[in-house]
Every structure is written in structure tokens, then in C-alpha cells.
Amino acid sequence: MRGFINHWARVSLLLVLFAASCSVPNLEEPACTEARIDVRQFYSFHFANDMKPSAENLKLREKYLTADLLKTLSASNETALDYFTAATDYPKAFRTGTCKVISPSETEFQVILFWRDDNRSEQKEVTVDAVKQDDKWLINKVISQK
């Protein structure tokens, strides 16, 4: 009986080791994996700070944006509409979703925005165009999904 238990203990150990050695392959393209980090960092920073559009808030986000987007946003009139979430009532959370590689230096991300409180549970999406410049992924454009 003791030999039988030892045999099954060894078999169980081998099964655990085999299962641990198997991993789910990452099917995402390298450009998406790299860009996802920077897009998440931007949105994490954005959500952790005042989202109201203003010159000083835009300045704080400068390191995450392309020069073209920064120029466009600097020239626009300040409104309550947040460019990065396409909302005037700012969402409470976000999640990066699917990614599409446009070129090795350009990606498009689905960013899902969430509102949840006692009266509301809603989500919507924006598409974020990120481009690689000087080994860093920068937000180049945000497109609202109506």
C-alpha cells in the first residue's frame, strides 16, 4: 500500500510540475504589448488627477502626448468636455481593450470607460491612436465612439 501511495505522490508531483511549465502564449503583437504599457500609464495618470481641461492640466500630460496633439489641444478652447474620455461627466475607471497594429510604430487601442455609482452603471469606448517616437509610445489622437 505504501508503494502505491508513493507512486501516486510522484505522479501527482509530475502533473503539477507539467501544468506549471505550460503557459498561455501571448498572442498580442510586440508593438501592442509595448504601447499598452504607455497608454495605461497615461490613463492612470489622467484618472488620478484633475481631468478638467485646462492649460495647466494639459502641461502635466505633455510627456504622454505627441507634439501635434499637444499643439491641437493647446489651441482649442477650454470646455468641460475631456478630450481623452470624450465626456463632461468624468468616468470613474478605465480598461485597455483590444489593440490593432497599424504599423510597427503606430497602434490603435480600445479604451473602455466606466461610470458606476448608486444611480448609474455605464460604459463606453474611445479609440486611442498611439505612435512610437524616440522609443516611447505617445498618445496621438483619441476618437470617440458615439
N, C-alpha and C. Protein backbone atom coordinates (compact mmCIF):
# COMPACT_ATOMS: atom_id res chain seq x y z
N MET A 1 0.83 -1.20 0.00
CA MET A 1 0.00 0.00 0.00
C MET A 1 0.87 1.26 0.00
N ARG A 2 1.93 1.19 0.81
CA ARG A 2 2.82 2.35 0.91
C ARG A 2 3.46 2.68 -0.45
N GLY A 3 3.85 1.67 -1.19
CA GLY A 3 4.43 1.87 -2.52
C GLY A 3 3.43 2.50 -3.48
N PHE A 4 2.18 2.09 -3.36
CA PHE A 4 1.12 2.64 -4.19
C PHE A 4 0.95 4.13 -3.91
N ILE A 5 0.96 4.55 -2.65
CA ILE A 5 0.82 5.96 -2.27
C ILE A 5 2.01 6.76 -2.77
N ASN A 6 3.22 6.23 -2.60
CA ASN A 6 4.42 6.92 -3.10
C ASN A 6 4.37 7.10 -4.61
N HIS A 7 3.89 6.07 -5.31
CA HIS A 7 3.76 6.16 -6.77
C HIS A 7 2.82 7.30 -7.16
N TRP A 8 1.65 7.37 -6.52
CA TRP A 8 0.68 8.42 -6.84
C TRP A 8 1.17 9.79 -6.40
N ALA A 9 1.95 9.85 -5.36
CA ALA A 9 2.52 11.13 -4.94
C ALA A 9 3.49 11.63 -6.01
N ARG A 10 4.32 10.71 -6.56
CA ARG A 10 5.24 11.10 -7.63
C ARG A 10 4.49 11.52 -8.89
N VAL A 11 3.47 10.78 -9.23
CA VAL A 11 2.66 11.10 -10.42
C VAL A 11 2.00 12.46 -10.24
N SER A 12 1.45 12.70 -9.05
CA SER A 12 0.81 14.00 -8.77
C SER A 12 1.81 15.14 -8.88
N LEU A 13 3.00 14.93 -8.33
CA LEU A 13 4.04 15.95 -8.40
C LEU A 13 4.42 16.23 -9.85
N LEU A 14 4.58 15.19 -10.64
CA LEU A 14 4.91 15.38 -12.05
C LEU A 14 3.79 16.13 -12.79
N LEU A 15 2.55 15.82 -12.48
CA LEU A 15 1.43 16.53 -13.12
C LEU A 15 1.43 18.00 -12.75
N VAL A 16 1.71 18.32 -11.49
CA VAL A 16 1.76 19.71 -11.05
C VAL A 16 2.90 20.43 -11.76
N LEU A 17 4.08 19.80 -11.82
CA LEU A 17 5.22 20.42 -12.50
C LEU A 17 4.94 20.61 -13.99
N PHE A 18 4.30 19.63 -14.61
CA PHE A 18 3.97 19.75 -16.03
C PHE A 18 2.99 20.90 -16.25
N ALA A 19 1.95 20.98 -15.42
CA ALA A 19 0.96 22.05 -15.56
C ALA A 19 1.60 23.42 -15.34
N ALA A 20 2.54 23.50 -14.40
CA ALA A 20 3.20 24.78 -14.13
C ALA A 20 4.10 25.20 -15.28
N SER A 21 4.65 24.21 -16.00
CA SER A 21 5.55 24.56 -17.10
C SER A 21 4.80 25.02 -18.34
N CYS A 22 3.53 24.66 -18.43
CA CYS A 22 2.71 25.11 -19.56
C CYS A 22 2.19 26.50 -19.25
N SER A 23 2.29 27.36 -20.21
CA SER A 23 1.74 28.69 -20.01
C SER A 23 0.95 29.09 -21.23
N VAL A 24 0.08 30.04 -21.04
CA VAL A 24 -0.71 30.53 -22.15
C VAL A 24 0.18 31.47 -22.96
N PRO A 25 0.33 31.21 -24.25
CA PRO A 25 1.18 32.08 -25.05
C PRO A 25 0.58 33.48 -25.20
N ASN A 26 1.44 34.47 -25.29
CA ASN A 26 0.99 35.84 -25.51
C ASN A 26 0.77 36.01 -27.00
N LEU A 27 -0.48 36.19 -27.39
CA LEU A 27 -0.82 36.29 -28.81
C LEU A 27 -0.79 37.73 -29.30
N GLU A 28 -0.54 38.67 -28.40
CA GLU A 28 -0.51 40.07 -28.77
C GLU A 28 0.81 40.40 -29.46
N GLU A 29 0.72 41.24 -30.48
CA GLU A 29 1.93 41.64 -31.19
C GLU A 29 2.81 42.52 -30.31
N PRO A 30 4.13 42.46 -30.48
CA PRO A 30 5.04 43.23 -29.62
C PRO A 30 4.73 44.73 -29.57
N ALA A 31 4.33 45.32 -30.68
CA ALA A 31 4.01 46.76 -30.69
C ALA A 31 2.85 47.04 -29.73
N CYS A 32 1.86 46.17 -29.69
CA CYS A 32 0.72 46.35 -28.79
C CYS A 32 1.14 46.19 -27.33
N THR A 33 1.96 45.20 -27.08
CA THR A 33 2.42 44.96 -25.71
C THR A 33 3.19 46.17 -25.19
N GLU A 34 4.07 46.72 -26.01
CA GLU A 34 4.85 47.90 -25.61
C GLU A 34 3.95 49.12 -25.43
N ALA A 35 3.11 49.38 -26.41
CA ALA A 35 2.26 50.57 -26.38
C ALA A 35 1.25 50.51 -25.25
N ARG A 36 0.76 49.32 -24.94
CA ARG A 36 -0.25 49.16 -23.88
C ARG A 36 0.26 49.72 -22.55
N ILE A 37 1.53 49.50 -22.26
CA ILE A 37 2.12 50.00 -21.02
C ILE A 37 2.00 51.52 -20.94
N ASP A 38 2.39 52.21 -22.02
CA ASP A 38 2.36 53.68 -22.02
C ASP A 38 0.94 54.23 -22.05
N VAL A 39 0.05 53.58 -22.77
CA VAL A 39 -1.35 54.02 -22.80
C VAL A 39 -1.96 53.88 -21.40
N ARG A 40 -1.69 52.76 -20.74
CA ARG A 40 -2.18 52.57 -19.36
C ARG A 40 -1.60 53.60 -18.41
N GLN A 41 -0.29 53.87 -18.56
CA GLN A 41 0.33 54.87 -17.69
C GLN A 41 -0.33 56.23 -17.87
N PHE A 42 -0.58 56.61 -19.11
CA PHE A 42 -1.25 57.89 -19.35
C PHE A 42 -2.62 57.93 -18.68
N TYR A 43 -3.46 56.92 -18.97
CA TYR A 43 -4.81 56.95 -18.42
C TYR A 43 -4.80 56.82 -16.89
N SER A 44 -3.87 56.09 -16.34
CA SER A 44 -3.75 56.02 -14.87
C SER A 44 -3.44 57.40 -14.30
N PHE A 45 -2.51 58.10 -14.94
CA PHE A 45 -2.17 59.46 -14.50
C PHE A 45 -3.38 60.38 -14.67
N HIS A 46 -4.02 60.29 -15.81
CA HIS A 46 -5.17 61.15 -16.11
C HIS A 46 -6.29 60.95 -15.08
N PHE A 47 -6.61 59.70 -14.76
CA PHE A 47 -7.68 59.41 -13.82
C PHE A 47 -7.30 59.77 -12.38
N ALA A 48 -6.03 59.75 -12.07
CA ALA A 48 -5.58 60.04 -10.70
C ALA A 48 -5.48 61.54 -10.43
N ASN A 49 -5.64 62.36 -11.46
CA ASN A 49 -5.51 63.80 -11.33
C ASN A 49 -6.78 64.49 -11.83
N ASP A 50 -6.78 65.80 -11.75
CA ASP A 50 -7.92 66.59 -12.22
C ASP A 50 -8.06 66.40 -13.73
N MET A 51 -9.21 65.94 -14.17
CA MET A 51 -9.44 65.66 -15.59
C MET A 51 -10.02 66.86 -16.33
N LYS A 52 -10.35 67.91 -15.62
CA LYS A 52 -10.93 69.09 -16.25
C LYS A 52 -9.92 69.72 -17.21
N PRO A 53 -10.33 69.93 -18.45
CA PRO A 53 -9.41 70.54 -19.41
C PRO A 53 -8.97 71.94 -18.98
N SER A 54 -7.68 72.13 -18.95
CA SER A 54 -7.10 73.45 -18.66
C SER A 54 -5.66 73.44 -19.17
N ALA A 55 -5.11 74.62 -19.34
CA ALA A 55 -3.73 74.74 -19.82
C ALA A 55 -2.76 74.05 -18.86
N GLU A 56 -2.96 74.23 -17.56
CA GLU A 56 -2.03 73.63 -16.60
C GLU A 56 -2.19 72.11 -16.54
N ASN A 57 -3.41 71.60 -16.68
CA ASN A 57 -3.60 70.15 -16.70
C ASN A 57 -3.03 69.53 -17.97
N LEU A 58 -3.14 70.25 -19.08
CA LEU A 58 -2.54 69.78 -20.33
C LEU A 58 -1.02 69.74 -20.20
N LYS A 59 -0.44 70.72 -19.57
CA LYS A 59 1.01 70.77 -19.36
C LYS A 59 1.48 69.55 -18.56
N LEU A 60 0.69 69.13 -17.57
CA LEU A 60 1.04 67.96 -16.76
C LEU A 60 1.04 66.67 -17.59
N ARG A 61 0.26 66.64 -18.67
CA ARG A 61 0.14 65.45 -19.51
C ARG A 61 1.06 65.48 -20.72
N GLU A 62 1.81 66.54 -20.86
CA GLU A 62 2.65 66.78 -22.04
C GLU A 62 3.56 65.60 -22.38
N LYS A 63 4.17 64.97 -21.40
CA LYS A 63 5.13 63.90 -21.67
C LYS A 63 4.48 62.65 -22.26
N TYR A 64 3.15 62.56 -22.22
CA TYR A 64 2.44 61.42 -22.77
C TYR A 64 1.88 61.67 -24.18
N LEU A 65 2.00 62.90 -24.68
CA LEU A 65 1.33 63.30 -25.92
C LEU A 65 2.32 63.64 -27.02
N THR A 66 1.90 63.42 -28.27
CA THR A 66 2.72 63.86 -29.39
C THR A 66 2.69 65.39 -29.45
N ALA A 67 3.68 65.96 -30.10
CA ALA A 67 3.74 67.42 -30.25
C ALA A 67 2.52 67.93 -31.03
N ASP A 68 2.09 67.16 -32.04
CA ASP A 68 0.92 67.57 -32.84
C ASP A 68 -0.35 67.62 -31.99
N LEU A 69 -0.57 66.60 -31.17
CA LEU A 69 -1.76 66.60 -30.33
C LEU A 69 -1.68 67.71 -29.28
N LEU A 70 -0.52 67.89 -28.71
CA LEU A 70 -0.35 68.95 -27.72
C LEU A 70 -0.66 70.31 -28.33
N LYS A 71 -0.19 70.53 -29.54
CA LYS A 71 -0.44 71.79 -30.24
C LYS A 71 -1.94 71.97 -30.51
N THR A 72 -2.58 70.93 -30.98
CA THR A 72 -4.02 70.99 -31.27
C THR A 72 -4.82 71.28 -30.01
N LEU A 73 -4.51 70.58 -28.93
CA LEU A 73 -5.25 70.78 -27.69
C LEU A 73 -4.96 72.14 -27.06
N SER A 74 -3.75 72.61 -27.21
CA SER A 74 -3.39 73.93 -26.68
C SER A 74 -4.15 75.04 -27.39
N ALA A 75 -4.42 74.84 -28.68
CA ALA A 75 -5.11 75.85 -29.47
C ALA A 75 -6.63 75.81 -29.31
N SER A 76 -7.14 74.71 -28.75
CA SER A 76 -8.60 74.60 -28.62
C SER A 76 -9.09 75.37 -27.39
N ASN A 77 -10.33 75.77 -27.47
CA ASN A 77 -10.95 76.48 -26.34
C ASN A 77 -11.20 75.52 -25.20
N GLU A 78 -11.01 75.97 -23.98
CA GLU A 78 -11.29 75.15 -22.82
C GLU A 78 -12.80 74.96 -22.68
N THR A 79 -13.19 73.72 -22.53
CA THR A 79 -14.59 73.38 -22.28
C THR A 79 -14.60 72.34 -21.17
N ALA A 80 -15.77 71.94 -20.76
CA ALA A 80 -15.87 70.89 -19.74
C ALA A 80 -15.63 69.50 -20.34
N LEU A 81 -15.70 69.40 -21.68
CA LEU A 81 -15.52 68.11 -22.35
C LEU A 81 -14.06 67.69 -22.28
N ASP A 82 -13.83 66.55 -21.65
CA ASP A 82 -12.48 65.99 -21.56
C ASP A 82 -12.17 65.27 -22.87
N TYR A 83 -11.13 65.69 -23.56
CA TYR A 83 -10.74 65.13 -24.85
C TYR A 83 -10.44 63.63 -24.73
N PHE A 84 -9.82 63.20 -23.65
CA PHE A 84 -9.31 61.83 -23.52
C PHE A 84 -10.38 60.82 -23.15
N THR A 85 -11.52 61.30 -22.65
CA THR A 85 -12.64 60.40 -22.34
C THR A 85 -13.90 60.77 -23.12
N ALA A 86 -13.84 61.89 -23.83
CA ALA A 86 -14.99 62.39 -24.60
C ALA A 86 -16.22 62.52 -23.71
N ALA A 87 -16.01 63.04 -22.50
CA ALA A 87 -17.11 63.14 -21.54
C ALA A 87 -16.98 64.42 -20.73
N THR A 88 -18.15 64.93 -20.32
CA THR A 88 -18.17 66.07 -19.40
C THR A 88 -18.38 65.58 -17.97
N ASP A 89 -19.02 64.44 -17.83
CA ASP A 89 -19.14 63.79 -16.52
C ASP A 89 -18.10 62.66 -16.51
N TYR A 90 -17.01 62.91 -15.86
CA TYR A 90 -15.83 62.07 -16.00
C TYR A 90 -16.04 60.66 -15.45
N PRO A 91 -15.57 59.67 -16.20
CA PRO A 91 -15.73 58.28 -15.75
C PRO A 91 -14.91 58.00 -14.48
N LYS A 92 -15.24 56.89 -13.84
CA LYS A 92 -14.58 56.52 -12.58
C LYS A 92 -13.42 55.56 -12.80
N ALA A 93 -13.44 54.83 -13.91
CA ALA A 93 -12.40 53.82 -14.16
C ALA A 93 -12.25 53.59 -15.66
N PHE A 94 -11.17 52.91 -16.03
CA PHE A 94 -10.92 52.58 -17.43
C PHE A 94 -10.26 51.21 -17.51
N ARG A 95 -10.26 50.67 -18.71
CA ARG A 95 -9.54 49.42 -19.00
C ARG A 95 -9.09 49.48 -20.45
N THR A 96 -7.86 49.07 -20.72
CA THR A 96 -7.43 48.99 -22.11
C THR A 96 -7.94 47.67 -22.67
N GLY A 97 -8.47 47.74 -23.87
CA GLY A 97 -9.04 46.56 -24.51
C GLY A 97 -8.18 46.09 -25.67
N THR A 98 -8.84 45.81 -26.76
CA THR A 98 -8.15 45.26 -27.92
C THR A 98 -7.20 46.28 -28.54
N CYS A 99 -6.22 45.76 -29.21
CA CYS A 99 -5.21 46.59 -29.87
C CYS A 99 -5.09 46.15 -31.32
N LYS A 100 -4.89 47.12 -32.17
CA LYS A 100 -4.69 46.85 -33.59
C LYS A 100 -3.39 47.54 -34.01
N VAL A 101 -2.50 46.80 -34.65
CA VAL A 101 -1.25 47.38 -35.13
C VAL A 101 -1.50 47.99 -36.50
N ILE A 102 -1.25 49.28 -36.61
CA ILE A 102 -1.37 49.98 -37.89
C ILE A 102 -0.06 49.86 -38.65
N SER A 103 1.04 50.03 -37.92
CA SER A 103 2.40 49.86 -38.45
C SER A 103 3.28 49.54 -37.24
N PRO A 104 4.56 49.21 -37.44
CA PRO A 104 5.42 48.93 -36.28
C PRO A 104 5.53 50.09 -35.30
N SER A 105 5.19 51.30 -35.76
CA SER A 105 5.28 52.46 -34.87
C SER A 105 3.94 53.15 -34.64
N GLU A 106 2.83 52.45 -34.93
CA GLU A 106 1.51 53.02 -34.69
C GLU A 106 0.52 51.91 -34.31
N THR A 107 -0.23 52.17 -33.24
CA THR A 107 -1.25 51.22 -32.79
C THR A 107 -2.55 51.96 -32.50
N GLU A 108 -3.62 51.20 -32.47
CA GLU A 108 -4.93 51.73 -32.06
C GLU A 108 -5.45 50.87 -30.92
N PHE A 109 -5.81 51.51 -29.82
CA PHE A 109 -6.32 50.81 -28.66
C PHE A 109 -7.77 51.14 -28.40
N GLN A 110 -8.49 50.15 -28.00
CA GLN A 110 -9.83 50.33 -27.46
C GLN A 110 -9.61 50.64 -25.97
N VAL A 111 -10.13 51.77 -25.51
CA VAL A 111 -10.10 52.08 -24.08
C VAL A 111 -11.55 52.14 -23.63
N ILE A 112 -11.86 51.30 -22.66
CA ILE A 112 -13.22 51.20 -22.16
C ILE A 112 -13.32 52.04 -20.88
N LEU A 113 -14.31 52.91 -20.86
CA LEU A 113 -14.51 53.84 -19.74
C LEU A 113 -15.74 53.41 -18.96
N PHE A 114 -15.67 53.53 -17.62
CA PHE A 114 -16.74 53.04 -16.76
C PHE A 114 -17.24 54.13 -15.82
N TRP A 115 -18.55 54.21 -15.71
CA TRP A 115 -19.24 55.05 -14.73
C TRP A 115 -20.04 54.10 -13.85
N ARG A 116 -19.86 54.22 -12.55
CA ARG A 116 -20.66 53.38 -11.66
C ARG A 116 -20.86 54.09 -10.33
N ASP A 117 -22.11 54.26 -9.97
CA ASP A 117 -22.46 54.80 -8.67
C ASP A 117 -23.85 54.25 -8.32
N ASP A 118 -24.49 54.83 -7.33
CA ASP A 118 -25.79 54.33 -6.89
C ASP A 118 -26.86 54.44 -7.96
N ASN A 119 -26.72 55.41 -8.86
CA ASN A 119 -27.75 55.67 -9.87
C ASN A 119 -27.38 55.22 -11.28
N ARG A 120 -26.14 54.82 -11.48
CA ARG A 120 -25.69 54.61 -12.85
C ARG A 120 -24.63 53.53 -12.94
N SER A 121 -24.75 52.72 -13.95
CA SER A 121 -23.73 51.74 -14.29
C SER A 121 -23.64 51.75 -15.82
N GLU A 122 -22.60 52.35 -16.34
CA GLU A 122 -22.49 52.57 -17.79
C GLU A 122 -21.05 52.40 -18.23
N GLN A 123 -20.89 52.04 -19.49
CA GLN A 123 -19.56 52.01 -20.08
C GLN A 123 -19.63 52.50 -21.51
N LYS A 124 -18.52 53.08 -21.98
CA LYS A 124 -18.40 53.45 -23.38
C LYS A 124 -16.94 53.32 -23.78
N GLU A 125 -16.69 53.43 -25.06
CA GLU A 125 -15.35 53.23 -25.57
C GLU A 125 -14.84 54.46 -26.30
N VAL A 126 -13.53 54.61 -26.26
CA VAL A 126 -12.83 55.55 -27.13
C VAL A 126 -11.71 54.75 -27.80
N THR A 127 -11.29 55.22 -28.96
CA THR A 127 -10.17 54.61 -29.65
C THR A 127 -8.98 55.54 -29.51
N VAL A 128 -7.87 54.99 -29.04
CA VAL A 128 -6.66 55.78 -28.80
C VAL A 128 -5.60 55.38 -29.81
N ASP A 129 -5.16 56.36 -30.59
CA ASP A 129 -4.08 56.16 -31.55
C ASP A 129 -2.78 56.50 -30.83
N ALA A 130 -1.87 55.54 -30.75
CA ALA A 130 -0.57 55.75 -30.11
C ALA A 130 0.53 55.55 -31.14
N VAL A 131 1.52 56.43 -31.11
CA VAL A 131 2.64 56.33 -32.04
C VAL A 131 3.95 56.27 -31.26
N LYS A 132 4.92 55.56 -31.84
CA LYS A 132 6.21 55.43 -31.19
C LYS A 132 7.14 56.52 -31.72
N GLN A 133 7.63 57.33 -30.79
CA GLN A 133 8.58 58.39 -31.12
C GLN A 133 9.70 58.36 -30.09
N ASP A 134 10.92 58.28 -30.55
CA ASP A 134 12.08 58.26 -29.64
C ASP A 134 11.95 57.16 -28.59
N ASP A 135 11.60 55.97 -29.01
CA ASP A 135 11.47 54.80 -28.14
C ASP A 135 10.42 54.93 -27.05
N LYS A 136 9.45 55.81 -27.24
CA LYS A 136 8.35 55.96 -26.29
C LYS A 136 7.04 56.03 -27.07
N TRP A 137 6.01 55.37 -26.54
CA TRP A 137 4.70 55.41 -27.16
C TRP A 137 3.93 56.60 -26.63
N LEU A 138 3.42 57.43 -27.53
CA LEU A 138 2.72 58.66 -27.17
C LEU A 138 1.30 58.66 -27.73
N ILE A 139 0.40 59.30 -27.02
CA ILE A 139 -0.99 59.44 -27.48
C ILE A 139 -0.98 60.46 -28.62
N ASN A 140 -1.52 60.05 -29.77
CA ASN A 140 -1.56 60.94 -30.93
C ASN A 140 -2.96 61.44 -31.25
N LYS A 141 -3.96 60.65 -30.87
CA LYS A 141 -5.35 61.03 -31.18
C LYS A 141 -6.28 60.15 -30.37
N VAL A 142 -7.42 60.71 -29.97
CA VAL A 142 -8.47 59.95 -29.31
C VAL A 142 -9.75 60.17 -30.10
N ILE A 143 -10.39 59.07 -30.47
CA ILE A 143 -11.60 59.13 -31.27
C ILE A 143 -12.76 58.59 -30.43
N SER A 144 -13.80 59.38 -30.30
CA SER A 144 -14.97 59.00 -29.52
C SER A 144 -15.83 58.04 -30.32
N GLN A 145 -16.33 56.99 -29.67
CA GLN A 145 -17.26 56.04 -30.28
C GLN A 145 -18.66 56.45 -29.89
N LYS A 146 -19.39 57.06 -30.77
CA LYS A 146 -20.74 57.57 -30.47
C LYS A 146 -21.74 56.48 -30.35
